[in-house]
C-alpha atoms as a PDB file:
ATOM      1  CA  MET A   1     108.129  96.702  88.933  1.00  0.00           C
ATOM      2  CA  ILE A   2     111.347  98.367  88.419  1.00  0.00           C
ATOM      3  CA  ALA A   3     113.761  96.067  89.455  1.00  0.00           C
ATOM      4  CA  PHE A   4     116.361  98.144  88.614  1.00  0.00           C
ATOM      5  CA  VAL A   5     117.979 101.128  86.721  1.00  0.00           C
ATOM      6  CA  ARG A   6     121.368 100.965  84.493  1.00  0.00           C
ATOM      7  CA  GLY A   7     122.746 104.389  83.115  1.00  0.00           C
ATOM      8  CA  ASN A   8     124.737 107.122  83.316  1.00  0.00           C
ATOM      9  CA  PHE A   9     124.835 109.330  86.974  1.00  0.00           C
ATOM     10  CA  VAL A  10     123.684 112.886  85.537  1.00  0.00           C
ATOM     11  CA  ARG A  11     123.843 114.106  89.002  1.00  0.00           C
ATOM     12  CA  LYS A  12     124.533 113.135  92.463  1.00  0.00           C
ATOM     13  CA  SER A  13     123.876 113.808  95.938  1.00  0.00           C
ATOM     14  CA  PRO A  14     124.175 111.826  99.627  1.00  0.00           C
ATOM     15  CA  ALA A  15     120.368 111.683  99.357  1.00  0.00           C
ATOM     16  CA  GLN A  16     119.408 111.657  95.879  1.00  0.00           C
ATOM     17  CA  VAL A  17     120.749 110.163  92.188  1.00  0.00           C
ATOM     18  CA  ILE A  18     119.334 110.928  88.992  1.00  0.00           C
ATOM     19  CA  VAL A  19     120.059 108.417  86.250  1.00  0.00           C
ATOM     20  CA  ASP A  20     119.753 108.582  82.664  1.00  0.00           C
ATOM     21  CA  VAL A  21     118.507 105.524  81.347  1.00  0.00           C
ATOM     22  CA  ASN A  22     118.698 105.854  77.436  1.00  0.00           C
ATOM     23  CA  GLY A  23     117.079 109.901  77.379  1.00  0.00           C
ATOM     24  CA  VAL A  24     114.995 108.865  80.246  1.00  0.00           C
ATOM     25  CA  GLY A  25     116.013 110.474  83.880  1.00  0.00           C
ATOM     26  CA  TYR A  26     115.087 108.275  87.112  1.00  0.00           C
ATOM     27  CA  GLU A  27     115.241 109.823  89.979  1.00  0.00           C
ATOM     28  CA  LEU A  28     116.150 107.704  93.357  1.00  0.00           C
ATOM     29  CA  GLN A  29     116.188 108.408  96.832  1.00  0.00           C
ATOM     30  CA  ILE A  30     119.782 106.927  98.445  1.00  0.00           C
ATOM     31  CA  SER A  31     121.111 106.331 101.587  1.00  0.00           C
ATOM     32  CA  LEU A  32     125.014 107.586 102.371  1.00  0.00           C
ATOM     33  CA  ASN A  33     125.842 103.710 102.074  1.00  0.00           C
ATOM     34  CA  THR A  34     124.809 103.780  98.412  1.00  0.00           C
ATOM     35  CA  TYR A  35     126.477 107.274  98.019  1.00  0.00           C
ATOM     36  CA  SER A  36     129.654 106.193  99.135  1.00  0.00           C
ATOM     37  CA  HIS A  37     129.791 103.277  96.666  1.00  0.00           C
ATOM     38  CA  ILE A  38     128.780 105.290  93.347  1.00  0.00           C
ATOM     39  CA  SER A  39     130.492 108.949  94.300  1.00  0.00           C
ATOM     40  CA  ASN A  40     133.596 108.422  92.162  1.00  0.00           C
ATOM     41  CA  SER A  41     131.328 106.662  89.196  1.00  0.00           C
ATOM     42  CA  ALA A  42     129.784 108.174  86.146  1.00  0.00           C
ATOM     43  CA  THR A  43     127.980 105.262  85.416  1.00  0.00           C
ATOM     44  CA  GLY A  44     126.480 102.199  86.964  1.00  0.00           C
ATOM     45  CA  GLN A  45     123.303 100.118  88.313  1.00  0.00           C
ATOM     46  CA  LEU A  46     121.319 100.630  91.087  1.00  0.00           C
ATOM     47  CA  LEU A  47     118.309  98.172  92.495  1.00  0.00           C
ATOM     48  CA  THR A  48     115.214  99.949  93.033  1.00  0.00           C
ATOM     49  CA  TYR A  49     112.218  99.949  95.064  1.00  0.00           C
ATOM     50  CA  LEU A  50     109.196 102.064  94.471  1.00  0.00           C
ATOM     51  CA  HIS A  51     107.425 102.944  97.235  1.00  0.00           C
ATOM     52  CA  ILE A  52     103.871 104.129  96.908  1.00  0.00           C
ATOM     53  CA  THR A  53     102.052 106.153  98.776  1.00  0.00           C
ATOM     54  CA  GLU A  54      98.498 108.680  98.738  1.00  0.00           C
ATOM     55  CA  ASN A  55     100.440 111.650  97.709  1.00  0.00           C
ATOM     56  CA  ALA A  56     103.681 110.517  95.884  1.00  0.00           C
ATOM     57  CA  GLN A  57     105.690 107.685  93.978  1.00  0.00           C
ATOM     58  CA  THR A  58     109.082 107.690  95.314  1.00  0.00           C
ATOM     59  CA  LEU A  59     111.824 105.610  93.828  1.00  0.00           C
ATOM     60  CA  PHE A  60     114.792 104.296  95.954  1.00  0.00           C
ATOM     61  CA  GLY A  61     118.068 102.903  94.639  1.00  0.00           C
ATOM     62  CA  PHE A  62     120.346 100.835  96.159  1.00  0.00           C
ATOM     63  CA  PHE A  63     123.974  99.487  95.557  1.00  0.00           C
ATOM     64  CA  GLU A  64     123.767  96.137  96.949  1.00  0.00           C
ATOM     65  CA  GLN A  65     120.964  93.905  97.127  1.00  0.00           C
ATOM     66  CA  GLU A  66     121.743  93.257 101.075  1.00  0.00           C
ATOM     67  CA  GLU A  67     120.892  96.741 101.574  1.00  0.00           C
ATOM     68  CA  LYS A  68     117.650  96.928  99.609  1.00  0.00           C
ATOM     69  CA  ASP A  69     116.594  93.586 101.766  1.00  0.00           C
ATOM     70  CA  LEU A  70     117.284  95.155 104.975  1.00  0.00           C
ATOM     71  CA  PHE A  71     115.613  98.230 103.686  1.00  0.00           C
ATOM     72  CA  LEU A  72     112.534  96.458 103.061  1.00  0.00           C
ATOM     73  CA  GLN A  73     113.266  94.411 106.141  1.00  0.00           C
ATOM     74  CA  LEU A  74     112.859  98.220 108.265  1.00  0.00           C
ATOM     75  CA  ILE A  75     109.689  99.417 106.214  1.00  0.00           C
ATOM     76  CA  SER A  76     108.119  95.679 107.634  1.00  0.00           C
ATOM     77  CA  VAL A  77     108.232  97.478 111.059  1.00  0.00           C
ATOM     78  CA  SER A  78     105.389  99.771 112.338  1.00  0.00           C
ATOM     79  CA  GLY A  79     106.307 102.904 113.065  1.00  0.00           C
ATOM     80  CA  VAL A  80     109.047 102.915 110.307  1.00  0.00           C
ATOM     81  CA  GLY A  81     108.914 104.310 107.201  1.00  0.00           C
ATOM     82  CA  ALA A  82     110.689 104.880 103.969  1.00  0.00           C
ATOM     83  CA  VAL A  83     112.111 107.670 104.859  1.00  0.00           C
ATOM     84  CA  THR A  84     113.113 106.585 108.286  1.00  0.00           C
ATOM     85  CA  ALA A  85     115.156 103.805 106.611  1.00  0.00           C
ATOM     86  CA  ARG A  86     116.462 105.239 104.497  1.00  0.00           C
ATOM     87  CA  MET A  87     118.011 107.724 107.472  1.00  0.00           C
ATOM     88  CA  MET A  88     118.833 104.531 109.003  1.00  0.00           C
ATOM     89  CA  LEU A  89     121.011 103.588 106.459  1.00  0.00           C
ATOM     90  CA  SER A  90     122.596 106.803 106.161  1.00  0.00           C
ATOM     91  CA  GLY A  91     123.088 106.505 109.807  1.00  0.00           C
ATOM     92  CA  MET A  92     124.930 103.791 110.042  1.00  0.00           C
ATOM     93  CA  LYS A  93     126.130 100.872 107.226  1.00  0.00           C
ATOM     94  CA  PRO A  94     123.598  97.822 106.548  1.00  0.00           C
ATOM     95  CA  ASP A  95     125.639  95.559 109.077  1.00  0.00           C
ATOM     96  CA  GLU A  96     126.106  97.572 111.800  1.00  0.00           C
ATOM     97  CA  ILE A  97     122.141  97.917 111.894  1.00  0.00           C
ATOM     98  CA  VAL A  98     121.589  94.080 111.762  1.00  0.00           C
ATOM     99  CA  LYS A  99     124.521  93.480 114.377  1.00  0.00           C
ATOM    100  CA  ALA A 100     122.540  95.885 116.610  1.00  0.00           C
ATOM    101  CA  ILE A 101     119.714  94.676 116.254  1.00  0.00           C
ATOM    102  CA  LEU A 102     120.732  90.591 116.613  1.00  0.00           C
ATOM    103  CA  GLN A 103     122.845  91.833 119.711  1.00  0.00           C
ATOM    104  CA  GLY A 104     119.415  93.798 121.108  1.00  0.00           C
ATOM    105  CA  ASN A 105     121.393  97.091 121.563  1.00  0.00           C
ATOM    106  CA  ALA A 106     118.715  99.142 121.502  1.00  0.00           C
ATOM    107  CA  LYS A 107     120.651 101.907 122.432  1.00  0.00           C
ATOM    108  CA  LEU A 108     122.691 102.358 119.585  1.00  0.00           C
ATOM    109  CA  LEU A 109     119.600 101.776 117.101  1.00  0.00           C
ATOM    110  CA  GLU A 110     118.177 105.227 119.030  1.00  0.00           C
ATOM    111  CA  SER A 111     121.442 107.431 118.316  1.00  0.00           C
ATOM    112  CA  ILE A 112     120.156 107.106 114.747  1.00  0.00           C
ATOM    113  CA  LYS A 113     118.128 110.447 114.055  1.00  0.00           C
ATOM    114  CA  GLY A 114     114.433 109.611 113.967  1.00  0.00           C
ATOM    115  CA  ILE A 115     114.424 106.623 115.869  1.00  0.00           C
ATOM    116  CA  GLY A 116     113.210 106.567 119.362  1.00  0.00           C
ATOM    117  CA  ARG A 117     113.587 104.105 122.196  1.00  0.00           C
ATOM    118  CA  LYS A 118     110.236 102.675 121.691  1.00  0.00           C
ATOM    119  CA  THR A 119     110.668 102.246 117.761  1.00  0.00           C
ATOM    120  CA  ALA A 120     114.005 100.818 118.433  1.00  0.00           C
ATOM    121  CA  GLU A 121     112.652  97.927 120.742  1.00  0.00           C
ATOM    122  CA  ARG A 122     110.045  97.022 118.216  1.00  0.00           C
ATOM    123  CA  LEU A 123     112.690  96.457 115.420  1.00  0.00           C
ATOM    124  CA  ILE A 124     114.782  94.371 117.806  1.00  0.00           C
ATOM    125  CA  LEU A 125     111.537  92.428 118.747  1.00  0.00           C
ATOM    126  CA  GLU A 126     109.830  92.356 114.986  1.00  0.00           C
ATOM    127  CA  LEU A 127     113.317  92.007 113.062  1.00  0.00           C
ATOM    128  CA  LYS A 128     115.717  89.679 115.387  1.00  0.00           C
ATOM    129  CA  ASP A 129     114.842  86.438 114.226  1.00  0.00           C
ATOM    130  CA  LYS A 130     114.245  88.070 110.208  1.00  0.00           C
ATOM    131  CA  VAL A 131     117.397  90.190 109.588  1.00  0.00           C
ATOM    132  CA  GLY A 132     119.498  86.866 109.571  1.00  0.00           C
ATOM    133  CA  LYS A 133     117.906  85.627 106.471  1.00  0.00           C
ATOM    134  CA  ILE A 134     118.760  88.637 104.595  1.00  0.00           C
ATOM    135  CA  GLY A 135     120.714  87.935 101.442  1.00  0.00           C
ATOM    136  CA  GLY A 136     121.302  84.949  99.311  1.00  0.00           C
ATOM    137  CA  SER A 137     123.578  83.396 101.454  1.00  0.00           C
ATOM    138  CA  GLY A 138     121.596  83.788 104.611  1.00  0.00           C
ATOM    139  CA  ASN A 139     123.752  86.444 105.402  1.00  0.00           C
ATOM    140  CA  ILE A 140     125.831  89.596 104.771  1.00  0.00           C
ATOM    141  CA  PRO A 141     130.174  89.481 104.525  1.00  0.00           C
ATOM    142  CA  SER A 142     130.209  92.572 104.688  1.00  0.00           C
ATOM    143  CA  GLY A 143     132.285  94.610 106.807  1.00  0.00           C
ATOM    144  CA  GLY A 144     131.275  91.774 109.542  1.00  0.00           C
ATOM    145  CA  ALA A 145     129.015  88.913 110.243  1.00  0.00           C
ATOM    146  CA  PHE A 146     125.327  89.406 110.081  1.00  0.00           C
ATOM    147  CA  VAL A 147     124.603  86.014 111.713  1.00  0.00           C
ATOM    148  CA  THR A 148     127.001  84.146 114.113  1.00  0.00           C
ATOM    149  CA  PRO A 149     128.026  80.610 114.194  1.00  0.00           C
ATOM    150  CA  GLU A 150     126.291  79.874 117.285  1.00  0.00           C
ATOM    151  CA  GLN A 151     122.949  81.729 115.306  1.00  0.00           C
ATOM    152  CA  ASP A 152     123.799  79.353 112.448  1.00  0.00           C
ATOM    153  CA  ALA A 153     123.768  76.366 113.955  1.00  0.00           C
ATOM    154  CA  VAL A 154     120.349  77.104 116.228  1.00  0.00           C
ATOM    155  CA  ASN A 155     118.862  77.903 112.340  1.00  0.00           C
ATOM    156  CA  ALA A 156     119.997  74.604 110.975  1.00  0.00           C
ATOM    157  CA  LEU A 157     118.477  72.717 114.228  1.00  0.00           C
ATOM    158  CA  MET A 158     115.319  75.075 113.848  1.00  0.00           C
ATOM    159  CA  ALA A 159     115.161  74.019 109.841  1.00  0.00           C
ATOM    160  CA  LEU A 160     115.472  70.162 110.928  1.00  0.00           C
ATOM    161  CA  GLY A 161     112.260  70.480 112.818  1.00  0.00           C
ATOM    162  CA  ILE A 162     113.926  71.114 116.310  1.00  0.00           C
ATOM    163  CA  ALA A 163     111.963  74.396 118.593  1.00  0.00           C
ATOM    164  CA  LYS A 164     113.556  77.061 118.720  1.00  0.00           C
ATOM    165  CA  PRO A 165     113.938  77.269 122.632  1.00  0.00           C
ATOM    166  CA  VAL A 166     115.429  73.517 122.382  1.00  0.00           C
ATOM    167  CA  ALA A 167     118.147  74.190 120.024  1.00  0.00           C
ATOM    168  CA  GLU A 168     119.011  77.136 121.528  1.00  0.00           C
ATOM    169  CA  ALA A 169     119.945  75.223 124.289  1.00  0.00           C
ATOM    170  CA  ALA A 170     121.602  72.580 122.740  1.00  0.00           C
ATOM    171  CA  ILE A 171     123.878  74.920 121.227  1.00  0.00           C
ATOM    172  CA  LYS A 172     124.787  76.668 124.654  1.00  0.00           C
ATOM    173  CA  LYS A 173     125.526  73.423 126.045  1.00  0.00           C
ATOM    174  CA  VAL A 174     128.012  72.821 122.959  1.00  0.00           C
ATOM    175  CA  GLN A 175     129.448  76.154 122.504  1.00  0.00           C
ATOM    176  CA  LYS A 176     131.460  75.810 125.701  1.00  0.00           C
ATOM    177  CA  THR A 177     133.905  74.337 123.715  1.00  0.00           C
ATOM    178  CA  ASP A 178     136.792  76.030 122.110  1.00  0.00           C
ATOM    179  CA  ASN A 179     137.877  75.805 118.301  1.00  0.00           C
ATOM    180  CA  ILE A 180     134.699  73.849 117.368  1.00  0.00           C
ATOM    181  CA  THR A 181     133.521  74.200 113.840  1.00  0.00           C
ATOM    182  CA  LEU A 182     130.455  75.154 112.584  1.00  0.00           C
ATOM    183  CA  GLU A 183     129.402  71.566 111.711  1.00  0.00           C
ATOM    184  CA  GLU A 184     130.692  69.923 114.381  1.00  0.00           C
ATOM    185  CA  LEU A 185     128.576  72.621 116.593  1.00  0.00           C
ATOM    186  CA  ILE A 186     125.591  71.226 114.664  1.00  0.00           C
ATOM    187  CA  LYS A 187     126.577  67.418 115.061  1.00  0.00           C
ATOM    188  CA  THR A 188     127.421  67.719 118.583  1.00  0.00           C
ATOM    189  CA  ALA A 189     124.500  69.298 119.811  1.00  0.00           C
ATOM    190  CA  LEU A 190     121.919  67.299 117.785  1.00  0.00           C
ATOM    191  CA  LYS A 191     123.586  64.330 119.819  1.00  0.00           C
ATOM    192  CA  ASN A 192     123.112  66.158 123.022  1.00  0.00           C
ATOM    193  CA  LEU A 193     119.179  66.561 122.288  1.00  0.00           C
END
């Protein structure tokens, strides 16, 4: 519906920004992560997501596509609403959230206000295979890799039609070799199938 807004940042706070777009003021709910990127800017562009509920229409703003993609993944999980997802993105950087999900670190996710044990476990269960696909290149190179080389190799093997458990087992066998490139890892795993 509304893909992005570009204009003057009329009023900013760590949770909200009003963007003047040619005389129309758009109120966007933002995370601390987005606020840290725009806090010193007078103008700019924010990607948006319009969240429609029975009682309200709320526009959420994001500095980066990766943050928006993660937000959409988070709200797809039962029990995680838009406000909770924004809270998560305020409590941790997007790459930290994805790393916690990929590593199955429920304790770290529970440290975020509003996330209990069951919700943290559900996030890990439902998003572990999805978060590595966030972003245009399959991973997000901001402050740390979202996808490990081993996960990239497993994903490549799965794209070739190999079942995930078989692909993971093949990568584990090859993984013991030091200083192996991603390409060599995939090729050697294919030979060991």
